[in-house]
Protein backbone atom coordinates (compact mmCIF):
# COMPACT_ATOMS: atom_id res chain seq x y z
CA UNK A 1 -0.01 -0.03 0.01
CA UNK A 2 2.81 2.48 0.82
CA UNK A 3 4.55 1.70 -2.53
CA UNK A 4 1.23 2.75 -4.37
CA UNK A 5 0.86 5.92 -2.37
CA UNK A 6 4.32 6.91 -3.24
CA UNK A 7 3.84 6.17 -6.87
CA UNK A 8 0.61 8.28 -7.08
CA UNK A 9 2.25 10.96 -5.21
CA UNK A 10 5.25 11.07 -7.67
CA UNK A 11 2.68 10.83 -10.63
CA UNK A 12 0.74 13.87 -9.32
CA UNK A 13 4.02 15.96 -8.72
CA UNK A 14 5.30 14.96 -12.23
CA UNK A 15 1.80 15.91 -13.86
CA UNK A 16 2.09 19.25 -12.11
CA UNK A 17 5.53 19.90 -13.26
CA UNK A 18 4.63 18.87 -16.82
CA UNK A 19 1.74 21.01 -16.72
CA UNK A 20 3.49 23.94 -15.66
CA UNK A 21 6.28 23.54 -18.22
CA UNK A 22 3.74 23.20 -20.94
CA UNK A 23 1.54 25.99 -20.06
CA UNK A 24 3.83 28.51 -18.90
CA UNK A 25 3.75 31.82 -20.52
CA UNK A 26 6.73 32.39 -23.10
CA UNK A 27 9.72 34.54 -22.25
CA UNK A 28 8.62 38.02 -23.78
CA UNK A 29 11.56 39.98 -22.32
CA UNK A 30 13.87 41.34 -25.05
CA UNK A 31 17.24 42.56 -24.54
CA UNK A 32 18.42 45.98 -25.83
CA UNK A 33 19.12 44.52 -29.55
CA UNK A 34 15.72 42.77 -29.50
CA UNK A 35 13.96 46.15 -28.47
CA UNK A 36 16.10 48.01 -31.15
CA UNK A 37 14.89 45.62 -33.68
CA UNK A 38 11.29 45.89 -32.61
CA UNK A 39 11.60 49.80 -32.86
CA UNK A 40 13.25 49.50 -36.49
CA UNK A 41 10.58 47.04 -37.52
CA UNK A 42 7.54 49.11 -36.20
CA UNK A 43 8.88 52.21 -38.14
CA UNK A 44 9.48 50.04 -41.29
CA UNK A 45 6.21 48.60 -41.04
CA UNK A 46 4.39 51.74 -40.68
CA UNK A 47 6.12 53.41 -43.62
CA UNK A 48 5.66 50.47 -46.00
CA UNK A 49 1.89 50.26 -44.99
CA UNK A 50 1.55 53.80 -45.61
CA UNK A 51 3.08 53.56 -49.23
CA UNK A 52 0.93 50.48 -49.89
CA UNK A 53 -2.29 52.34 -48.80
CA UNK A 54 -1.48 55.41 -51.07
CA UNK A 55 -0.91 53.10 -54.08
CA UNK A 56 -3.97 51.03 -53.30
CA UNK A 57 -6.00 54.13 -53.00
CA UNK A 58 -4.55 55.73 -56.32
CA UNK A 59 -5.51 52.65 -58.16
CA UNK A 60 -9.29 53.44 -57.67
CA UNK A 61 -9.17 56.79 -59.35
CA UNK A 62 -6.57 55.73 -62.26
CA UNK A 63 -6.77 53.92 -65.42
CA UNK A 64 -2.91 53.96 -66.05
CA UNK A 65 0.06 52.48 -64.38
CA UNK A 66 0.98 53.53 -60.89
CA UNK A 67 2.79 56.50 -61.02
CA UNK A 68 6.64 56.26 -60.41
CA UNK A 69 6.05 58.63 -57.31
CA UNK A 70 3.89 55.66 -55.76
CA UNK A 71 6.07 52.79 -57.09
CA UNK A 72 9.45 53.79 -55.97
CA UNK A 73 8.82 53.72 -52.20
CA UNK A 74 7.51 50.08 -52.70
CA UNK A 75 10.31 48.78 -54.89
CA UNK A 76 12.62 48.55 -51.82
CA UNK A 77 10.16 46.72 -49.44
CA UNK A 78 12.38 43.51 -49.41
CA UNK A 79 15.61 45.14 -49.37
CA UNK A 80 14.68 47.43 -46.50
CA UNK A 81 13.25 44.66 -44.66
CA UNK A 82 16.66 42.72 -44.98
CA UNK A 83 18.54 45.82 -43.58
CA UNK A 84 16.39 45.46 -40.48
CA UNK A 85 18.45 42.22 -39.56
CA UNK A 86 17.52 39.23 -37.81
CA UNK A 87 14.65 39.57 -35.34
CA UNK A 88 14.57 37.98 -31.76
CA UNK A 89 13.78 34.35 -32.00
CA UNK A 90 10.39 35.01 -30.48
CA UNK A 91 9.68 37.31 -33.41
CA UNK A 92 10.56 35.15 -36.45
CA UNK A 93 6.85 34.78 -37.48
CA UNK A 94 6.68 38.56 -37.74
CA UNK A 95 9.59 38.55 -40.08
CA UNK A 96 7.87 35.89 -42.19
CA UNK A 97 4.62 37.80 -42.41
CA UNK A 98 6.61 40.92 -43.39
CA UNK A 99 8.27 38.95 -46.16
CA UNK A 100 5.14 37.54 -47.48
CA UNK A 101 3.85 41.18 -47.62
CA UNK A 102 7.06 42.26 -49.61
CA UNK A 103 6.28 39.27 -51.92
CA UNK A 104 2.76 40.46 -52.54
CA UNK A 105 4.07 44.13 -53.22
CA UNK A 106 6.89 42.82 -55.61
CA UNK A 107 4.30 40.83 -57.52
CA UNK A 108 1.87 43.74 -57.69
CA UNK A 109 4.68 45.91 -59.12
CA UNK A 110 5.62 43.32 -61.66
CA UNK A 111 1.91 43.24 -62.88
CA UNK A 112 1.70 46.99 -63.02
CA UNK A 113 4.88 47.14 -65.04
CA UNK A 114 4.06 44.51 -67.34
CA UNK A 115 0.20 44.93 -68.27
CA UNK A 116 -0.38 48.60 -66.76
CA UNK A 117 -4.02 49.80 -66.79
CA UNK A 118 -5.72 46.32 -67.96
CA UNK A 119 -4.34 44.66 -64.91
CA UNK A 120 -4.92 47.46 -62.23
CA UNK A 121 -7.77 45.15 -60.59
CA UNK A 122 -4.93 42.44 -60.06
CA UNK A 123 -2.43 45.03 -59.06
CA UNK A 124 -5.06 46.60 -56.54
CA UNK A 125 -5.65 42.94 -55.18
CA UNK A 126 -2.22 42.18 -54.34
CA UNK A 127 -1.41 45.61 -52.85
CA UNK A 128 -4.52 44.96 -50.49
CA UNK A 129 -3.03 41.48 -49.64
CA UNK A 130 0.11 43.06 -48.81
CA UNK A 131 -1.71 45.41 -46.68
CA UNK A 132 -3.29 42.72 -44.90
CA UNK A 133 0.08 40.81 -44.36
CA UNK A 134 1.47 43.86 -42.96
CA UNK A 135 -1.29 44.49 -40.52
CA UNK A 136 -0.95 40.70 -39.52
CA UNK A 137 2.80 41.30 -38.84
CA UNK A 138 2.11 44.23 -36.48
CA UNK A 139 -0.70 42.18 -34.88
CA UNK A 140 1.58 39.24 -34.28
CA UNK A 141 4.26 41.59 -32.98
CA UNK A 142 1.81 42.86 -30.17
CA UNK A 143 0.59 39.39 -29.73
CA UNK A 144 4.29 37.89 -29.21
CA UNK A 145 5.35 40.78 -27.01
CA UNK A 146 2.10 40.73 -24.82
CA UNK A 147 1.51 44.49 -25.60
CA UNK A 148 -1.59 46.16 -26.98
CA UNK A 149 -1.55 47.19 -30.63
CA UNK A 150 -1.75 50.86 -31.86
């Protein structure tokens, strides 16, 4: 009887420890380098989202290609994202979302350059998707850090 009691006690303790390990909140504390990356990323995300929105809105009132004034800030999406450097491991998903957004931007610009006016609906669709991916990246950033979004 005593052996069964000890076994049950050890089983309960092991279950408690396993539950704690599996359900504990993630470590959301960033070092100075991680906080600097978050600040750079937030600025980058806001700038690119603004440029995407401007281009997306301009398509609604245009029948021609996007103007170079709208295209130029978008052309460097992926390169400017790469310049931010590697994120803290906690935020690797945020970087993936931002990379997908840049892919959508690049595709929209290539469609715009190749087909112009006849493909504005496709260009607009991909710019809109890029905006959604950027918003998702911002949301995931705040979720991972446990902060409230803006």
